[in-house]
Amino acid sequence: MSLPLGFPDIPLELTVSRKPSLEAVVARFRAANQEPDSAVRAVRHQPATEGIFAEMPAAVDPRLRAALERGLVEFEPPRWRASGLGRRFLNDLQAAFLP
C-alpha cells in the first residue's frame, strides 16, 4: 500500500549538487511564493529597532524580584523563565516560592 505524503517535488537543480547555489534556492523560493497553496505566504522586512526598557512594576512579587536580582530568572516580555543559573540551582529557585 502506498500512502502519498503530499511533499512537493524538489527541482533537479537542487538535488544534483551537494550544495545548491544561492540562485537556485532563491528561484525555488520565489516560485513557491507564487503558488497559491504554498507554505511561503509572505516575507516582509522589518528593520531592527532599539529595545524599550522600563522599571519593574511595584506589583511584581518581592520573591520574584529577589530571584531576578540573584540571576535565577530572566524576564523576556511577556514571560519569565529560569535562567541558566536558575536551572543549575533549581532547588533554590523552587524554595523561594514555596511556603
N, C-alpha and C. Protein backbone atom coordinates (compact mmCIF):
# COMPACT_ATOMS: atom_id res chain seq x y z
N MET A 1 0.85 -1.16 0.00
CA MET A 1 0.00 0.00 0.00
C MET A 1 0.90 1.23 0.00
N SER A 2 0.59 2.20 -0.82
CA SER A 2 1.37 3.43 -0.93
C SER A 2 0.53 4.59 -0.43
N LEU A 3 1.03 5.30 0.56
CA LEU A 3 0.33 6.46 1.09
C LEU A 3 1.12 7.72 0.74
N PRO A 4 0.63 8.52 -0.17
CA PRO A 4 1.36 9.74 -0.52
C PRO A 4 1.32 10.74 0.62
N LEU A 5 2.44 11.39 0.87
CA LEU A 5 2.52 12.36 1.95
C LEU A 5 2.30 13.79 1.49
N GLY A 6 2.25 13.99 0.18
CA GLY A 6 1.97 15.31 -0.34
C GLY A 6 3.16 16.26 -0.31
N PHE A 7 4.39 15.72 -0.24
CA PHE A 7 5.56 16.57 -0.29
C PHE A 7 5.73 17.09 -1.71
N PRO A 8 6.16 18.35 -1.85
CA PRO A 8 6.34 18.88 -3.21
C PRO A 8 7.54 18.24 -3.88
N ASP A 9 7.50 18.22 -5.21
CA ASP A 9 8.64 17.72 -5.98
C ASP A 9 9.78 18.72 -5.86
N ILE A 10 10.97 18.22 -5.61
CA ILE A 10 12.14 19.08 -5.50
C ILE A 10 12.77 19.20 -6.88
N PRO A 11 13.04 20.42 -7.32
CA PRO A 11 13.64 20.60 -8.64
C PRO A 11 14.99 19.88 -8.73
N LEU A 12 15.29 19.40 -9.91
CA LEU A 12 16.51 18.64 -10.14
C LEU A 12 17.77 19.43 -9.80
N GLU A 13 17.78 20.74 -10.08
CA GLU A 13 18.99 21.51 -9.81
C GLU A 13 19.31 21.59 -8.32
N LEU A 14 18.31 21.36 -7.47
CA LEU A 14 18.56 21.36 -6.04
C LEU A 14 19.02 20.00 -5.53
N THR A 15 18.74 18.95 -6.26
CA THR A 15 19.06 17.61 -5.79
C THR A 15 20.39 17.08 -6.33
N VAL A 16 20.85 17.60 -7.45
CA VAL A 16 22.04 17.06 -8.08
C VAL A 16 23.31 17.51 -7.38
N SER A 17 23.39 18.78 -7.05
CA SER A 17 24.61 19.30 -6.44
C SER A 17 24.60 19.07 -4.94
N ARG A 18 25.78 18.98 -4.37
CA ARG A 18 25.89 18.81 -2.92
C ARG A 18 25.44 20.07 -2.20
N LYS A 19 25.86 21.22 -2.71
CA LYS A 19 25.45 22.50 -2.14
C LYS A 19 24.69 23.27 -3.21
N PRO A 20 23.40 23.48 -3.01
CA PRO A 20 22.66 24.21 -4.03
C PRO A 20 23.17 25.65 -4.11
N SER A 21 23.18 26.17 -5.30
CA SER A 21 23.63 27.54 -5.47
C SER A 21 22.58 28.47 -4.89
N LEU A 22 23.02 29.63 -4.51
CA LEU A 22 22.11 30.61 -3.94
C LEU A 22 21.04 30.99 -4.96
N GLU A 23 21.41 31.09 -6.22
CA GLU A 23 20.45 31.45 -7.25
C GLU A 23 19.34 30.40 -7.36
N ALA A 24 19.71 29.12 -7.27
CA ALA A 24 18.71 28.05 -7.36
C ALA A 24 17.76 28.08 -6.17
N VAL A 25 18.30 28.34 -5.01
CA VAL A 25 17.46 28.41 -3.80
C VAL A 25 16.52 29.60 -3.88
N VAL A 26 17.03 30.75 -4.29
CA VAL A 26 16.20 31.94 -4.42
C VAL A 26 15.12 31.72 -5.48
N ALA A 27 15.48 31.10 -6.59
CA ALA A 27 14.50 30.82 -7.65
C ALA A 27 13.40 29.91 -7.13
N ARG A 28 13.76 28.88 -6.38
CA ARG A 28 12.75 27.97 -5.83
C ARG A 28 11.86 28.68 -4.82
N PHE A 29 12.46 29.54 -4.01
CA PHE A 29 11.69 30.31 -3.02
C PHE A 29 10.70 31.24 -3.72
N ARG A 30 11.16 31.93 -4.75
CA ARG A 30 10.27 32.84 -5.48
C ARG A 30 9.15 32.07 -6.17
N ALA A 31 9.46 30.91 -6.73
CA ALA A 31 8.43 30.10 -7.37
C ALA A 31 7.41 29.63 -6.34
N ALA A 32 7.89 29.21 -5.17
CA ALA A 32 6.98 28.76 -4.12
C ALA A 32 6.11 29.90 -3.62
N ASN A 33 6.66 31.11 -3.62
CA ASN A 33 5.91 32.27 -3.16
C ASN A 33 4.75 32.59 -4.10
N GLN A 34 4.84 32.20 -5.37
CA GLN A 34 3.80 32.47 -6.35
C GLN A 34 2.68 31.42 -6.33
N GLU A 35 2.93 30.25 -5.75
CA GLU A 35 1.94 29.19 -5.72
C GLU A 35 0.86 29.51 -4.70
N PRO A 36 -0.42 29.31 -5.05
CA PRO A 36 -1.49 29.68 -4.12
C PRO A 36 -1.53 28.85 -2.85
N ASP A 37 -1.14 27.59 -2.89
CA ASP A 37 -1.19 26.73 -1.71
C ASP A 37 0.17 26.57 -1.04
N SER A 38 1.08 27.48 -1.32
CA SER A 38 2.44 27.38 -0.80
C SER A 38 2.49 27.69 0.69
N ALA A 39 3.42 27.05 1.36
CA ALA A 39 3.66 27.36 2.77
C ALA A 39 4.32 28.72 2.92
N VAL A 40 4.95 29.18 1.85
CA VAL A 40 5.56 30.51 1.85
C VAL A 40 4.45 31.51 1.54
N ARG A 41 4.01 32.21 2.52
CA ARG A 41 2.88 33.12 2.34
C ARG A 41 3.33 34.56 2.08
N ALA A 42 4.12 35.08 2.98
CA ALA A 42 4.54 36.47 2.85
C ALA A 42 5.89 36.65 3.53
N VAL A 43 6.71 37.43 2.92
CA VAL A 43 8.00 37.75 3.50
C VAL A 43 8.09 39.26 3.57
N ARG A 44 8.29 39.75 4.77
CA ARG A 44 8.37 41.19 4.95
C ARG A 44 9.63 41.52 5.71
N HIS A 45 10.23 42.62 5.34
CA HIS A 45 11.41 43.08 6.06
C HIS A 45 10.98 44.09 7.10
N GLN A 46 11.39 43.87 8.33
CA GLN A 46 11.11 44.81 9.39
C GLN A 46 12.45 45.23 9.98
N PRO A 47 12.81 46.49 9.84
CA PRO A 47 14.12 46.92 10.33
C PRO A 47 14.22 46.79 11.84
N ALA A 48 15.43 46.56 12.31
CA ALA A 48 15.68 46.42 13.74
C ALA A 48 15.48 47.77 14.43
N THR A 49 15.01 47.70 15.65
CA THR A 49 14.84 48.91 16.45
C THR A 49 15.49 48.69 17.81
N GLU A 50 15.76 49.77 18.47
CA GLU A 50 16.32 49.69 19.82
C GLU A 50 15.25 49.18 20.78
N GLY A 51 15.70 48.45 21.79
CA GLY A 51 14.78 47.94 22.80
C GLY A 51 14.25 49.06 23.67
N ILE A 52 13.08 48.84 24.24
CA ILE A 52 12.48 49.81 25.16
C ILE A 52 12.50 49.19 26.54
N PHE A 53 13.17 49.85 27.46
CA PHE A 53 13.30 49.33 28.81
C PHE A 53 12.51 50.20 29.78
N ALA A 54 11.96 49.57 30.79
CA ALA A 54 11.19 50.28 31.81
C ALA A 54 11.52 49.68 33.17
N GLU A 55 11.23 50.43 34.19
CA GLU A 55 11.43 49.94 35.55
C GLU A 55 10.43 48.82 35.83
N MET A 56 10.83 47.91 36.71
CA MET A 56 9.95 46.81 37.07
C MET A 56 8.79 47.36 37.91
N PRO A 57 7.56 46.98 37.58
CA PRO A 57 6.42 47.49 38.34
C PRO A 57 6.48 47.08 39.80
N ALA A 58 5.95 47.91 40.66
CA ALA A 58 5.94 47.63 42.10
C ALA A 58 5.08 46.41 42.42
N ALA A 59 4.15 46.07 41.53
CA ALA A 59 3.25 44.94 41.77
C ALA A 59 3.94 43.59 41.63
N VAL A 60 5.18 43.56 41.13
CA VAL A 60 5.90 42.29 40.98
C VAL A 60 6.22 41.73 42.35
N ASP A 61 5.92 40.44 42.53
CA ASP A 61 6.15 39.76 43.80
C ASP A 61 7.60 39.95 44.24
N PRO A 62 7.82 40.30 45.52
CA PRO A 62 9.19 40.51 46.01
C PRO A 62 10.08 39.27 45.87
N ARG A 63 9.48 38.07 45.96
CA ARG A 63 10.26 36.84 45.80
C ARG A 63 10.78 36.73 44.37
N LEU A 64 9.95 37.12 43.41
CA LEU A 64 10.36 37.09 42.01
C LEU A 64 11.43 38.14 41.75
N ARG A 65 11.28 39.30 42.35
CA ARG A 65 12.28 40.36 42.22
C ARG A 65 13.63 39.90 42.79
N ALA A 66 13.59 39.23 43.94
CA ALA A 66 14.82 38.72 44.57
C ALA A 66 15.47 37.65 43.70
N ALA A 67 14.67 36.77 43.10
CA ALA A 67 15.21 35.73 42.22
C ALA A 67 15.85 36.37 40.99
N LEU A 68 15.25 37.45 40.50
CA LEU A 68 15.82 38.16 39.35
C LEU A 68 17.16 38.79 39.73
N GLU A 69 17.23 39.40 40.90
CA GLU A 69 18.47 40.03 41.36
C GLU A 69 19.58 38.99 41.58
N ARG A 70 19.21 37.79 41.98
CA ARG A 70 20.19 36.70 42.17
C ARG A 70 20.58 36.05 40.85
N GLY A 71 19.87 36.39 39.78
CA GLY A 71 20.18 35.82 38.47
C GLY A 71 19.56 34.46 38.24
N LEU A 72 18.56 34.09 39.04
CA LEU A 72 17.94 32.77 38.90
C LEU A 72 16.84 32.75 37.84
N VAL A 73 16.28 33.92 37.52
CA VAL A 73 15.24 34.00 36.50
C VAL A 73 15.59 35.11 35.51
N GLU A 74 14.97 35.03 34.34
CA GLU A 74 15.11 36.04 33.30
C GLU A 74 13.71 36.49 32.90
N PHE A 75 13.60 37.73 32.55
CA PHE A 75 12.31 38.26 32.09
C PHE A 75 12.47 38.72 30.66
N GLU A 76 11.76 38.07 29.75
CA GLU A 76 11.70 38.46 28.35
C GLU A 76 10.23 38.61 28.04
N PRO A 77 9.74 39.86 28.03
CA PRO A 77 8.29 40.06 27.89
C PRO A 77 7.73 39.19 26.77
N PRO A 78 6.63 38.55 27.01
CA PRO A 78 5.77 38.65 28.18
C PRO A 78 5.96 37.51 29.18
N ARG A 79 7.12 36.89 29.23
CA ARG A 79 7.25 35.70 30.09
C ARG A 79 8.49 35.77 30.98
N TRP A 80 8.40 35.03 32.05
CA TRP A 80 9.52 34.82 32.97
C TRP A 80 9.98 33.39 32.75
N ARG A 81 11.29 33.15 32.90
CA ARG A 81 11.79 31.78 32.79
C ARG A 81 13.05 31.64 33.64
N ALA A 82 13.34 30.39 33.99
CA ALA A 82 14.55 30.12 34.76
C ALA A 82 15.77 30.39 33.89
N SER A 83 16.74 31.07 34.44
CA SER A 83 17.98 31.34 33.71
C SER A 83 18.86 30.08 33.74
N GLY A 84 19.99 30.13 33.09
CA GLY A 84 20.93 29.01 33.15
C GLY A 84 21.34 28.74 34.59
N LEU A 85 21.60 29.80 35.33
CA LEU A 85 21.95 29.65 36.75
C LEU A 85 20.76 29.08 37.52
N GLY A 86 19.57 29.57 37.22
CA GLY A 86 18.36 29.08 37.89
C GLY A 86 18.11 27.61 37.62
N ARG A 87 18.45 27.13 36.42
CA ARG A 87 18.29 25.70 36.12
C ARG A 87 19.32 24.87 36.89
N ARG A 88 20.51 25.43 37.10
CA ARG A 88 21.51 24.69 37.88
C ARG A 88 21.18 24.68 39.36
N PHE A 89 20.50 25.73 39.84
CA PHE A 89 20.11 25.81 41.24
C PHE A 89 18.60 25.81 41.37
N LEU A 90 17.97 24.83 40.71
CA LEU A 90 16.52 24.76 40.65
C LEU A 90 15.90 24.59 42.04
N ASN A 91 16.55 23.87 42.92
CA ASN A 91 16.01 23.71 44.28
C ASN A 91 15.91 25.06 44.98
N ASP A 92 16.94 25.90 44.83
CA ASP A 92 16.90 27.24 45.44
C ASP A 92 15.77 28.07 44.84
N LEU A 93 15.61 27.96 43.54
CA LEU A 93 14.57 28.72 42.86
C LEU A 93 13.18 28.28 43.32
N GLN A 94 12.98 26.98 43.40
CA GLN A 94 11.68 26.48 43.86
C GLN A 94 11.43 26.83 45.32
N ALA A 95 12.47 26.75 46.15
CA ALA A 95 12.31 27.06 47.57
C ALA A 95 11.91 28.51 47.78
N ALA A 96 12.31 29.39 46.89
CA ALA A 96 11.96 30.81 47.04
C ALA A 96 10.46 31.03 46.92
N PHE A 97 9.73 30.14 46.26
CA PHE A 97 8.31 30.34 46.04
C PHE A 97 7.42 29.39 46.84
N LEU A 98 8.02 28.46 47.58
CA LEU A 98 7.23 27.52 48.38
C LEU A 98 6.97 28.14 49.76
N PRO A 99 5.81 27.83 50.36
CA PRO A 99 5.50 28.39 51.70
C PRO A 99 6.39 27.81 52.77
